Amino acid sequence: MLCRHRHSTDNAVGLFHTTGPKLHKLARKYRPLTPVLLEFILRHDTPLDHDVKLMIAGQLDNAADRFAAIAD
């Protein structure tokens, strides 16, 4: 998941290398973005093949589950 944060790109990769309270903070930060990104990916005017959209949708679903498990 890519998000613009200040002057750098933030793609949530830090979650895999983070522990402690910061992990929960990052999960809560990214969790609300997954449904928004899913909506954009699945739009009929998004220029991606259907199978690619489904693959990305599955990845976003997995990410949402992980964020929920960490954030709660």
N, C-alpha and C. Protein backbone atom coordinates (compact mmCIF):
# COMPACT_ATOMS: atom_id res chain seq x y z
N MET A 1 0.86 -1.14 0.00
CA MET A 1 0.00 0.00 0.00
C MET A 1 0.91 1.21 0.00
N LEU A 2 0.69 2.13 -0.95
CA LEU A 2 1.52 3.31 -1.01
C LEU A 2 0.75 4.52 -0.54
N CYS A 3 1.38 5.31 0.29
CA CYS A 3 0.77 6.53 0.81
C CYS A 3 1.82 7.61 0.82
N ARG A 4 1.42 8.79 0.45
CA ARG A 4 2.34 9.91 0.48
C ARG A 4 2.41 10.45 1.90
N HIS A 5 3.59 10.51 2.45
CA HIS A 5 3.77 10.99 3.81
C HIS A 5 4.90 12.02 3.79
N ARG A 6 4.53 13.25 3.98
CA ARG A 6 5.48 14.35 3.92
C ARG A 6 6.22 14.32 2.60
N HIS A 7 7.53 14.12 2.63
CA HIS A 7 8.31 14.17 1.39
C HIS A 7 8.85 12.80 0.99
N SER A 8 8.29 11.77 1.54
CA SER A 8 8.75 10.43 1.20
C SER A 8 7.56 9.52 0.95
N THR A 9 7.82 8.40 0.33
CA THR A 9 6.77 7.42 0.10
C THR A 9 6.77 6.42 1.24
N ASP A 10 5.60 6.14 1.75
CA ASP A 10 5.46 5.23 2.87
C ASP A 10 4.59 4.07 2.39
N ASN A 11 5.11 2.85 2.39
CA ASN A 11 4.37 1.73 1.84
C ASN A 11 4.04 0.65 2.86
N ALA A 12 4.08 0.98 4.12
CA ALA A 12 3.71 0.07 5.21
C ALA A 12 4.68 -1.10 5.37
N VAL A 13 5.79 -1.10 4.65
CA VAL A 13 6.76 -2.18 4.80
C VAL A 13 7.33 -2.19 6.21
N GLY A 14 7.41 -1.03 6.83
CA GLY A 14 7.95 -0.94 8.19
C GLY A 14 7.22 -1.79 9.19
N LEU A 15 5.98 -2.16 8.91
CA LEU A 15 5.23 -3.03 9.82
C LEU A 15 5.92 -4.37 10.02
N PHE A 16 6.57 -4.86 9.00
CA PHE A 16 7.21 -6.17 9.10
C PHE A 16 8.45 -6.13 9.97
N HIS A 17 9.00 -4.93 10.20
CA HIS A 17 10.23 -4.79 10.95
C HIS A 17 10.03 -4.01 12.25
N THR A 18 8.79 -3.84 12.66
CA THR A 18 8.46 -3.01 13.82
C THR A 18 7.87 -3.87 14.93
N THR A 19 8.20 -3.51 16.14
CA THR A 19 7.62 -4.18 17.31
C THR A 19 7.17 -3.12 18.31
N GLY A 20 6.49 -3.55 19.31
CA GLY A 20 6.08 -2.66 20.38
C GLY A 20 4.95 -1.72 20.00
N PRO A 21 4.84 -0.62 20.72
CA PRO A 21 3.72 0.30 20.52
C PRO A 21 3.66 0.90 19.11
N LYS A 22 4.82 1.07 18.49
CA LYS A 22 4.84 1.65 17.14
C LYS A 22 4.11 0.75 16.14
N LEU A 23 4.19 -0.55 16.34
CA LEU A 23 3.50 -1.48 15.46
C LEU A 23 2.00 -1.22 15.48
N HIS A 24 1.43 -1.05 16.65
CA HIS A 24 -0.01 -0.79 16.77
C HIS A 24 -0.37 0.55 16.16
N LYS A 25 0.49 1.54 16.35
CA LYS A 25 0.25 2.87 15.79
C LYS A 25 0.20 2.80 14.26
N LEU A 26 1.16 2.10 13.66
CA LEU A 26 1.19 2.00 12.20
C LEU A 26 0.00 1.20 11.66
N ALA A 27 -0.36 0.15 12.35
CA ALA A 27 -1.52 -0.64 11.91
C ALA A 27 -2.79 0.20 11.95
N ARG A 28 -2.95 1.00 12.99
CA ARG A 28 -4.12 1.88 13.07
C ARG A 28 -4.07 2.96 11.99
N LYS A 29 -2.88 3.36 11.61
CA LYS A 29 -2.71 4.37 10.57
C LYS A 29 -3.17 3.83 9.20
N TYR A 30 -2.77 2.62 8.87
CA TYR A 30 -3.04 2.07 7.54
C TYR A 30 -4.38 1.36 7.42
N ARG A 31 -4.91 0.89 8.51
CA ARG A 31 -6.16 0.12 8.46
C ARG A 31 -7.29 0.83 7.73
N PRO A 32 -7.55 2.12 7.97
CA PRO A 32 -8.67 2.79 7.28
C PRO A 32 -8.44 2.99 5.78
N LEU A 33 -7.21 2.83 5.33
CA LEU A 33 -6.93 3.05 3.91
C LEU A 33 -7.28 1.86 3.03
N THR A 34 -7.29 0.67 3.60
CA THR A 34 -7.51 -0.51 2.77
C THR A 34 -8.86 -0.52 2.06
N PRO A 35 -9.98 -0.16 2.70
CA PRO A 35 -11.24 -0.16 1.95
C PRO A 35 -11.28 0.92 0.86
N VAL A 36 -10.62 2.03 1.11
CA VAL A 36 -10.59 3.10 0.11
C VAL A 36 -9.81 2.64 -1.13
N LEU A 37 -8.65 2.05 -0.89
CA LEU A 37 -7.85 1.56 -2.01
C LEU A 37 -8.57 0.43 -2.74
N LEU A 38 -9.24 -0.43 -2.00
CA LEU A 38 -10.00 -1.51 -2.63
C LEU A 38 -11.07 -0.95 -3.56
N GLU A 39 -11.75 0.08 -3.10
CA GLU A 39 -12.78 0.70 -3.94
C GLU A 39 -12.18 1.25 -5.23
N PHE A 40 -11.02 1.91 -5.14
CA PHE A 40 -10.38 2.44 -6.34
C PHE A 40 -9.96 1.33 -7.29
N ILE A 41 -9.41 0.27 -6.74
CA ILE A 41 -8.94 -0.84 -7.58
C ILE A 41 -10.10 -1.50 -8.33
N LEU A 42 -11.24 -1.66 -7.67
CA LEU A 42 -12.35 -2.40 -8.27
C LEU A 42 -13.27 -1.54 -9.15
N ARG A 43 -12.98 -0.26 -9.27
CA ARG A 43 -13.80 0.60 -10.14
C ARG A 43 -13.72 0.11 -11.59
N HIS A 44 -14.79 0.28 -12.32
CA HIS A 44 -14.81 -0.18 -13.72
C HIS A 44 -13.86 0.62 -14.59
N ASP A 45 -13.53 1.84 -14.20
CA ASP A 45 -12.66 2.67 -15.03
C ASP A 45 -11.18 2.60 -14.60
N THR A 46 -10.84 1.72 -13.66
CA THR A 46 -9.44 1.51 -13.30
C THR A 46 -8.80 0.67 -14.41
N PRO A 47 -7.74 1.19 -15.04
CA PRO A 47 -7.18 0.52 -16.23
C PRO A 47 -6.29 -0.68 -15.90
N LEU A 48 -6.90 -1.71 -15.31
CA LEU A 48 -6.19 -2.95 -15.01
C LEU A 48 -7.04 -4.12 -15.49
N ASP A 49 -6.37 -5.20 -15.87
CA ASP A 49 -7.11 -6.41 -16.23
C ASP A 49 -7.86 -6.93 -15.00
N HIS A 50 -8.95 -7.62 -15.26
CA HIS A 50 -9.80 -8.12 -14.18
C HIS A 50 -9.03 -9.03 -13.22
N ASP A 51 -8.18 -9.91 -13.76
CA ASP A 51 -7.43 -10.82 -12.89
C ASP A 51 -6.43 -10.07 -12.01
N VAL A 52 -5.88 -8.98 -12.52
CA VAL A 52 -4.97 -8.15 -11.73
C VAL A 52 -5.73 -7.45 -10.61
N LYS A 53 -6.91 -6.96 -10.93
CA LYS A 53 -7.74 -6.31 -9.90
C LYS A 53 -8.07 -7.31 -8.79
N LEU A 54 -8.39 -8.53 -9.17
CA LEU A 54 -8.72 -9.54 -8.16
C LEU A 54 -7.51 -9.89 -7.29
N MET A 55 -6.33 -9.95 -7.90
CA MET A 55 -5.12 -10.24 -7.15
C MET A 55 -4.85 -9.13 -6.13
N ILE A 56 -4.94 -7.88 -6.57
CA ILE A 56 -4.71 -6.74 -5.67
C ILE A 56 -5.79 -6.69 -4.59
N ALA A 57 -7.02 -6.97 -4.96
CA ALA A 57 -8.11 -6.98 -3.97
C ALA A 57 -7.84 -8.03 -2.89
N GLY A 58 -7.35 -9.18 -3.28
CA GLY A 58 -7.00 -10.22 -2.31
C GLY A 58 -5.88 -9.78 -1.39
N GLN A 59 -4.88 -9.10 -1.94
CA GLN A 59 -3.79 -8.60 -1.12
C GLN A 59 -4.28 -7.54 -0.13
N LEU A 60 -5.18 -6.68 -0.60
CA LEU A 60 -5.73 -5.66 0.29
C LEU A 60 -6.59 -6.28 1.38
N ASP A 61 -7.34 -7.33 1.05
CA ASP A 61 -8.12 -8.04 2.06
C ASP A 61 -7.21 -8.65 3.13
N ASN A 62 -6.11 -9.25 2.68
CA ASN A 62 -5.15 -9.82 3.63
C ASN A 62 -4.54 -8.73 4.51
N ALA A 63 -4.21 -7.61 3.89
CA ALA A 63 -3.63 -6.50 4.65
C ALA A 63 -4.63 -5.98 5.68
N ALA A 64 -5.89 -5.86 5.29
CA ALA A 64 -6.92 -5.39 6.22
C ALA A 64 -7.04 -6.33 7.41
N ASP A 65 -7.00 -7.63 7.15
CA ASP A 65 -7.06 -8.61 8.24
C ASP A 65 -5.87 -8.48 9.18
N ARG A 66 -4.69 -8.31 8.60
CA ARG A 66 -3.48 -8.17 9.42
C ARG A 66 -3.52 -6.89 10.26
N PHE A 67 -3.92 -5.79 9.60
CA PHE A 67 -4.00 -4.52 10.33
C PHE A 67 -4.99 -4.64 11.48
N ALA A 68 -6.12 -5.28 11.22
CA ALA A 68 -7.13 -5.44 12.26
C ALA A 68 -6.60 -6.27 13.43
N ALA A 69 -5.90 -7.35 13.11
CA ALA A 69 -5.37 -8.21 14.16
C ALA A 69 -4.33 -7.48 15.01
N ILE A 70 -3.54 -6.63 14.38
CA ILE A 70 -2.50 -5.90 15.10
C ILE A 70 -3.09 -4.74 15.88
N ALA A 71 -4.01 -4.01 15.25
CA ALA A 71 -4.53 -2.79 15.84
C ALA A 71 -5.46 -3.05 17.01
N ASP A 72 -6.13 -4.19 17.03
CA ASP A 72 -7.10 -4.47 18.09
C ASP A 72 -6.46 -5.04 19.32
